[in-house]
Amino acid sequence: MGSTIAPMPTKARRAEPHFVDDYLPALLAQASRLISAEFHLVVTAQGFTVSEWRVLASLAGSEPINIGQLAQITTMKQPTVTRVLDRMQARGLVERLPSGGDRRVTLVRITPAGTQLVSQLIPQAQEHERRVLEPFGRQRSEDLKATLRKLIELHRSSPTVESADD
């Protein structure tokens, strides 16, 4: 005597979305990873690591910043940033400077050689961004970026802000 398996009901049930399909952090992470991966192909083809690109892009056109701020902007852990900076400093792309008021704080700035290299990638990054945002139109794109900047501002000082992407 064989057992019979009851057929699945044919009545269509309402398909509930998966939690992560509507969860903001998951959506942001997926969008960031997909969009970044497209441009990272360009970065690596130019001989940079993704980490080096993040550092150079973050330092380009800015005043010297401390390593903690750089880690936050680049979304990398501070020890990782320090190792990347060691390699980049050896290549003459960045330099470390003492902070005037606090000997424990080290500032970092891009060198002219680093600026020259990153200036070749920034227009390509801007073109990539233009293509990514084109389907949304100018106003929606500006609104999206303004919303993301506000989210960052509101959550930047969170005591648990530390990258856990390892």
C-alpha atoms as a PDB file:
ATOM      1  CA  MET A   1       0.000   0.000   0.000  1.00  0.00           C
ATOM      2  CA  GLY A   2       1.548   3.238  -1.133  1.00  0.00           C
ATOM      3  CA  SER A   3       0.982   6.541   0.478  1.00  0.00           C
ATOM      4  CA  THR A   4      -0.615   9.294  -1.455  1.00  0.00           C
ATOM      5  CA  ILE A   5       0.421  12.889  -1.322  1.00  0.00           C
ATOM      6  CA  ALA A   6      -2.330  15.422  -1.312  1.00  0.00           C
ATOM      7  CA  PRO A   7      -2.133  17.804  -4.259  1.00  0.00           C
ATOM      8  CA  MET A   8      -1.257  21.407  -3.618  1.00  0.00           C
ATOM      9  CA  PRO A   9      -4.296  23.626  -3.461  1.00  0.00           C
ATOM     10  CA  THR A  10      -4.932  25.401  -6.742  1.00  0.00           C
ATOM     11  CA  LYS A  11      -6.369  28.485  -5.095  1.00  0.00           C
ATOM     12  CA  ALA A  12      -3.823  31.248  -5.511  1.00  0.00           C
ATOM     13  CA  ARG A  13      -2.535  32.557  -2.240  1.00  0.00           C
ATOM     14  CA  ARG A  14      -1.367  36.118  -1.835  1.00  0.00           C
ATOM     15  CA  ALA A  15       2.397  36.031  -2.222  1.00  0.00           C
ATOM     16  CA  GLU A  16       3.990  37.782   0.704  1.00  0.00           C
ATOM     17  CA  PRO A  17       7.236  39.579  -0.114  1.00  0.00           C
ATOM     18  CA  HIS A  18      10.345  38.341   1.583  1.00  0.00           C
ATOM     19  CA  PHE A  19      11.348  40.522   4.513  1.00  0.00           C
ATOM     20  CA  VAL A  20      14.559  41.722   2.839  1.00  0.00           C
ATOM     21  CA  ASP A  21      12.679  42.700  -0.333  1.00  0.00           C
ATOM     22  CA  ASP A  22      11.177  45.627   1.572  1.00  0.00           C
ATOM     23  CA  TYR A  23      13.808  46.227   4.280  1.00  0.00           C
ATOM     24  CA  LEU A  24      15.669  49.504   3.772  1.00  0.00           C
ATOM     25  CA  PRO A  25      19.137  48.392   4.947  1.00  0.00           C
ATOM     26  CA  ALA A  26      19.002  45.330   2.688  1.00  0.00           C
ATOM     27  CA  LEU A  27      17.825  47.391  -0.276  1.00  0.00           C
ATOM     28  CA  LEU A  28      20.533  50.006   0.252  1.00  0.00           C
ATOM     29  CA  ALA A  29      23.228  47.340   0.594  1.00  0.00           C
ATOM     30  CA  GLN A  30      22.117  45.507  -2.537  1.00  0.00           C
ATOM     31  CA  ALA A  31      21.872  48.689  -4.597  1.00  0.00           C
ATOM     32  CA  SER A  32      25.283  49.848  -3.400  1.00  0.00           C
ATOM     33  CA  ARG A  33      26.932  46.512  -4.106  1.00  0.00           C
ATOM     34  CA  LEU A  34      25.445  46.179  -7.600  1.00  0.00           C
ATOM     35  CA  ILE A  35      26.113  49.747  -8.702  1.00  0.00           C
ATOM     36  CA  SER A  36      29.588  49.835  -7.167  1.00  0.00           C
ATOM     37  CA  ALA A  37      30.561  46.514  -8.751  1.00  0.00           C
ATOM     38  CA  GLU A  38      29.891  47.976 -12.192  1.00  0.00           C
ATOM     39  CA  PHE A  39      32.339  50.814 -11.640  1.00  0.00           C
ATOM     40  CA  HIS A  40      34.852  48.688  -9.775  1.00  0.00           C
ATOM     41  CA  LEU A  41      35.540  46.933 -13.078  1.00  0.00           C
ATOM     42  CA  VAL A  42      36.816  50.270 -14.398  1.00  0.00           C
ATOM     43  CA  VAL A  43      38.847  50.888 -11.235  1.00  0.00           C
ATOM     44  CA  THR A  44      40.613  47.546 -11.326  1.00  0.00           C
ATOM     45  CA  ALA A  45      41.254  47.851 -15.063  1.00  0.00           C
ATOM     46  CA  GLN A  46      43.143  51.076 -14.241  1.00  0.00           C
ATOM     47  CA  GLY A  47      45.368  49.192 -11.782  1.00  0.00           C
ATOM     48  CA  PHE A  48      43.764  50.308  -8.523  1.00  0.00           C
ATOM     49  CA  THR A  49      42.196  48.236  -5.800  1.00  0.00           C
ATOM     50  CA  VAL A  50      38.675  49.190  -4.790  1.00  0.00           C
ATOM     51  CA  SER A  51      40.032  50.321  -1.417  1.00  0.00           C
ATOM     52  CA  GLU A  52      42.607  52.586  -3.084  1.00  0.00           C
ATOM     53  CA  TRP A  53      39.887  54.100  -5.271  1.00  0.00           C
ATOM     54  CA  ARG A  54      37.704  54.780  -2.241  1.00  0.00           C
ATOM     55  CA  VAL A  55      40.577  56.497  -0.430  1.00  0.00           C
ATOM     56  CA  LEU A  56      41.652  58.584  -3.432  1.00  0.00           C
ATOM     57  CA  ALA A  57      38.082  59.587  -4.280  1.00  0.00           C
ATOM     58  CA  SER A  58      37.448  60.552  -0.646  1.00  0.00           C
ATOM     59  CA  LEU A  59      40.587  62.681  -0.420  1.00  0.00           C
ATOM     60  CA  ALA A  60      40.327  64.316  -3.855  1.00  0.00           C
ATOM     61  CA  GLY A  61      39.595  68.014  -3.587  1.00  0.00           C
ATOM     62  CA  SER A  62      39.364  68.021   0.191  1.00  0.00           C
ATOM     63  CA  GLU A  63      41.371  69.278   3.099  1.00  0.00           C
ATOM     64  CA  PRO A  64      43.422  66.717   5.020  1.00  0.00           C
ATOM     65  CA  ILE A  65      41.232  64.503   7.206  1.00  0.00           C
ATOM     66  CA  ASN A  66      41.965  62.116  10.041  1.00  0.00           C
ATOM     67  CA  ILE A  67      42.097  58.380   9.521  1.00  0.00           C
ATOM     68  CA  GLY A  68      38.919  57.789  11.534  1.00  0.00           C
ATOM     69  CA  GLN A  69      36.945  60.135   9.289  1.00  0.00           C
ATOM     70  CA  LEU A  70      38.470  58.507   6.223  1.00  0.00           C
ATOM     71  CA  ALA A  71      37.432  55.070   7.494  1.00  0.00           C
ATOM     72  CA  GLN A  72      33.880  56.301   7.956  1.00  0.00           C
ATOM     73  CA  ILE A  73      33.665  57.882   4.504  1.00  0.00           C
ATOM     74  CA  THR A  74      35.192  54.885   2.736  1.00  0.00           C
ATOM     75  CA  THR A  75      33.088  52.404   4.734  1.00  0.00           C
ATOM     76  CA  MET A  76      36.198  50.467   5.727  1.00  0.00           C
ATOM     77  CA  LYS A  77      37.488  49.543   9.165  1.00  0.00           C
ATOM     78  CA  GLN A  78      40.259  51.757  10.491  1.00  0.00           C
ATOM     79  CA  PRO A  79      42.964  49.039  10.491  1.00  0.00           C
ATOM     80  CA  THR A  80      42.147  48.315   6.837  1.00  0.00           C
ATOM     81  CA  VAL A  81      42.412  52.003   5.967  1.00  0.00           C
ATOM     82  CA  THR A  82      45.771  52.168   7.736  1.00  0.00           C
ATOM     83  CA  ARG A  83      47.123  49.247   5.673  1.00  0.00           C
ATOM     84  CA  VAL A  84      45.805  50.771   2.430  1.00  0.00           C
ATOM     85  CA  LEU A  85      47.375  54.112   3.351  1.00  0.00           C
ATOM     86  CA  ASP A  86      50.714  52.398   4.017  1.00  0.00           C
ATOM     87  CA  ARG A  87      50.725  50.987   0.470  1.00  0.00           C
ATOM     88  CA  MET A  88      49.538  54.242  -1.064  1.00  0.00           C
ATOM     89  CA  GLN A  89      52.059  56.335   0.845  1.00  0.00           C
ATOM     90  CA  ALA A  90      54.853  54.060  -0.377  1.00  0.00           C
ATOM     91  CA  ARG A  91      53.654  54.768  -3.943  1.00  0.00           C
ATOM     92  CA  GLY A  92      53.545  58.517  -3.314  1.00  0.00           C
ATOM     93  CA  LEU A  93      49.756  58.821  -3.691  1.00  0.00           C
ATOM     94  CA  VAL A  94      48.969  60.070  -0.171  1.00  0.00           C
ATOM     95  CA  GLU A  95      50.864  61.556   2.729  1.00  0.00           C
ATOM     96  CA  ARG A  96      50.317  61.610   6.447  1.00  0.00           C
ATOM     97  CA  LEU A  97      50.590  64.821   8.422  1.00  0.00           C
ATOM     98  CA  PRO A  98      50.668  65.480  12.147  1.00  0.00           C
ATOM     99  CA  SER A  99      47.590  67.152  13.526  1.00  0.00           C
ATOM    100  CA  GLY A 100      48.459  70.519  15.013  1.00  0.00           C
ATOM    101  CA  GLY A 101      46.631  70.103  18.287  1.00  0.00           C
ATOM    102  CA  ASP A 102      46.749  66.380  19.052  1.00  0.00           C
ATOM    103  CA  ARG A 103      49.788  64.157  18.530  1.00  0.00           C
ATOM    104  CA  ARG A 104      47.567  61.058  18.612  1.00  0.00           C
ATOM    105  CA  VAL A 105      45.702  62.200  15.488  1.00  0.00           C
ATOM    106  CA  THR A 106      47.204  61.751  12.048  1.00  0.00           C
ATOM    107  CA  LEU A 107      45.802  63.602   9.069  1.00  0.00           C
ATOM    108  CA  VAL A 108      45.922  62.288   5.528  1.00  0.00           C
ATOM    109  CA  ARG A 109      45.944  64.166   2.256  1.00  0.00           C
ATOM    110  CA  ILE A 110      46.243  63.247  -1.354  1.00  0.00           C
ATOM    111  CA  THR A 111      49.494  64.123  -3.130  1.00  0.00           C
ATOM    112  CA  PRO A 112      49.748  65.761  -6.561  1.00  0.00           C
ATOM    113  CA  ALA A 113      50.571  62.310  -8.001  1.00  0.00           C
ATOM    114  CA  GLY A 114      47.458  60.857  -6.357  1.00  0.00           C
ATOM    115  CA  THR A 115      45.383  63.771  -7.605  1.00  0.00           C
ATOM    116  CA  GLN A 116      46.613  63.229 -11.148  1.00  0.00           C
ATOM    117  CA  LEU A 117      45.686  59.547 -11.083  1.00  0.00           C
ATOM    118  CA  VAL A 118      42.268  59.996  -9.505  1.00  0.00           C
ATOM    119  CA  SER A 119      41.424  62.892 -11.830  1.00  0.00           C
ATOM    120  CA  GLN A 120      41.367  60.353 -14.660  1.00  0.00           C
ATOM    121  CA  LEU A 121      38.832  58.166 -12.825  1.00  0.00           C
ATOM    122  CA  ILE A 122      36.482  60.809 -11.435  1.00  0.00           C
ATOM    123  CA  PRO A 123      34.971  61.753 -14.817  1.00  0.00           C
ATOM    124  CA  GLN A 124      34.404  58.053 -15.511  1.00  0.00           C
ATOM    125  CA  ALA A 125      32.713  57.686 -12.105  1.00  0.00           C
ATOM    126  CA  GLN A 126      30.524  60.699 -12.851  1.00  0.00           C
ATOM    127  CA  GLU A 127      29.533  59.228 -16.214  1.00  0.00           C
ATOM    128  CA  HIS A 128      28.717  55.912 -14.546  1.00  0.00           C
ATOM    129  CA  GLU A 129      26.550  57.741 -12.015  1.00  0.00           C
ATOM    130  CA  ARG A 130      24.793  59.616 -14.817  1.00  0.00           C
ATOM    131  CA  ARG A 131      23.939  56.326 -16.560  1.00  0.00           C
ATOM    132  CA  VAL A 132      22.714  54.748 -13.316  1.00  0.00           C
ATOM    133  CA  LEU A 133      20.434  57.682 -12.495  1.00  0.00           C
ATOM    134  CA  GLU A 134      19.274  58.480 -16.030  1.00  0.00           C
ATOM    135  CA  PRO A 135      16.092  56.358 -15.840  1.00  0.00           C
ATOM    136  CA  PHE A 136      14.911  58.385 -12.832  1.00  0.00           C
ATOM    137  CA  GLY A 137      15.277  61.878 -14.239  1.00  0.00           C
ATOM    138  CA  ARG A 138      17.091  64.812 -12.726  1.00  0.00           C
ATOM    139  CA  GLN A 139      14.631  65.718  -9.945  1.00  0.00           C
ATOM    140  CA  ARG A 140      14.136  62.188  -8.625  1.00  0.00           C
ATOM    141  CA  SER A 141      17.903  61.646  -8.743  1.00  0.00           C
ATOM    142  CA  GLU A 142      18.553  64.819  -6.751  1.00  0.00           C
ATOM    143  CA  ASP A 143      15.818  63.863  -4.279  1.00  0.00           C
ATOM    144  CA  LEU A 144      17.298  60.392  -3.847  1.00  0.00           C
ATOM    145  CA  LYS A 145      20.772  61.778  -3.151  1.00  0.00           C
ATOM    146  CA  ALA A 146      19.370  64.381  -0.739  1.00  0.00           C
ATOM    147  CA  THR A 147      17.447  61.656   1.104  1.00  0.00           C
ATOM    148  CA  LEU A 148      20.558  59.472   1.361  1.00  0.00           C
ATOM    149  CA  ARG A 149      22.644  62.408   2.645  1.00  0.00           C
ATOM    150  CA  LYS A 150      19.974  63.071   5.290  1.00  0.00           C
ATOM    151  CA  LEU A 151      19.934  59.394   6.326  1.00  0.00           C
ATOM    152  CA  ILE A 152      23.714  59.492   6.668  1.00  0.00           C
ATOM    153  CA  GLU A 153      23.575  62.696   8.691  1.00  0.00           C
ATOM    154  CA  LEU A 154      20.915  61.326  11.030  1.00  0.00           C
ATOM    155  CA  HIS A 155      22.757  58.055  11.674  1.00  0.00           C
ATOM    156  CA  ARG A 156      26.435  59.041  11.431  1.00  0.00           C
ATOM    157  CA  SER A 157      26.801  59.632  15.157  1.00  0.00           C
ATOM    158  CA  SER A 158      25.330  56.255  16.080  1.00  0.00           C
ATOM    159  CA  PRO A 159      27.603  54.581  18.649  1.00  0.00           C
ATOM    160  CA  THR A 160      27.483  51.293  16.727  1.00  0.00           C
ATOM    161  CA  VAL A 161      28.674  52.692  13.398  1.00  0.00           C
ATOM    162  CA  GLU A 162      31.394  50.257  12.415  1.00  0.00           C
ATOM    163  CA  SER A 163      31.587  48.309   9.212  1.00  0.00           C
ATOM    164  CA  ALA A 164      30.769  44.649   9.666  1.00  0.00           C
ATOM    165  CA  ASP A 165      31.218  43.641   6.042  1.00  0.00           C
ATOM    166  CA  ASP A 166      34.033  41.201   6.625  1.00  0.00           C
END
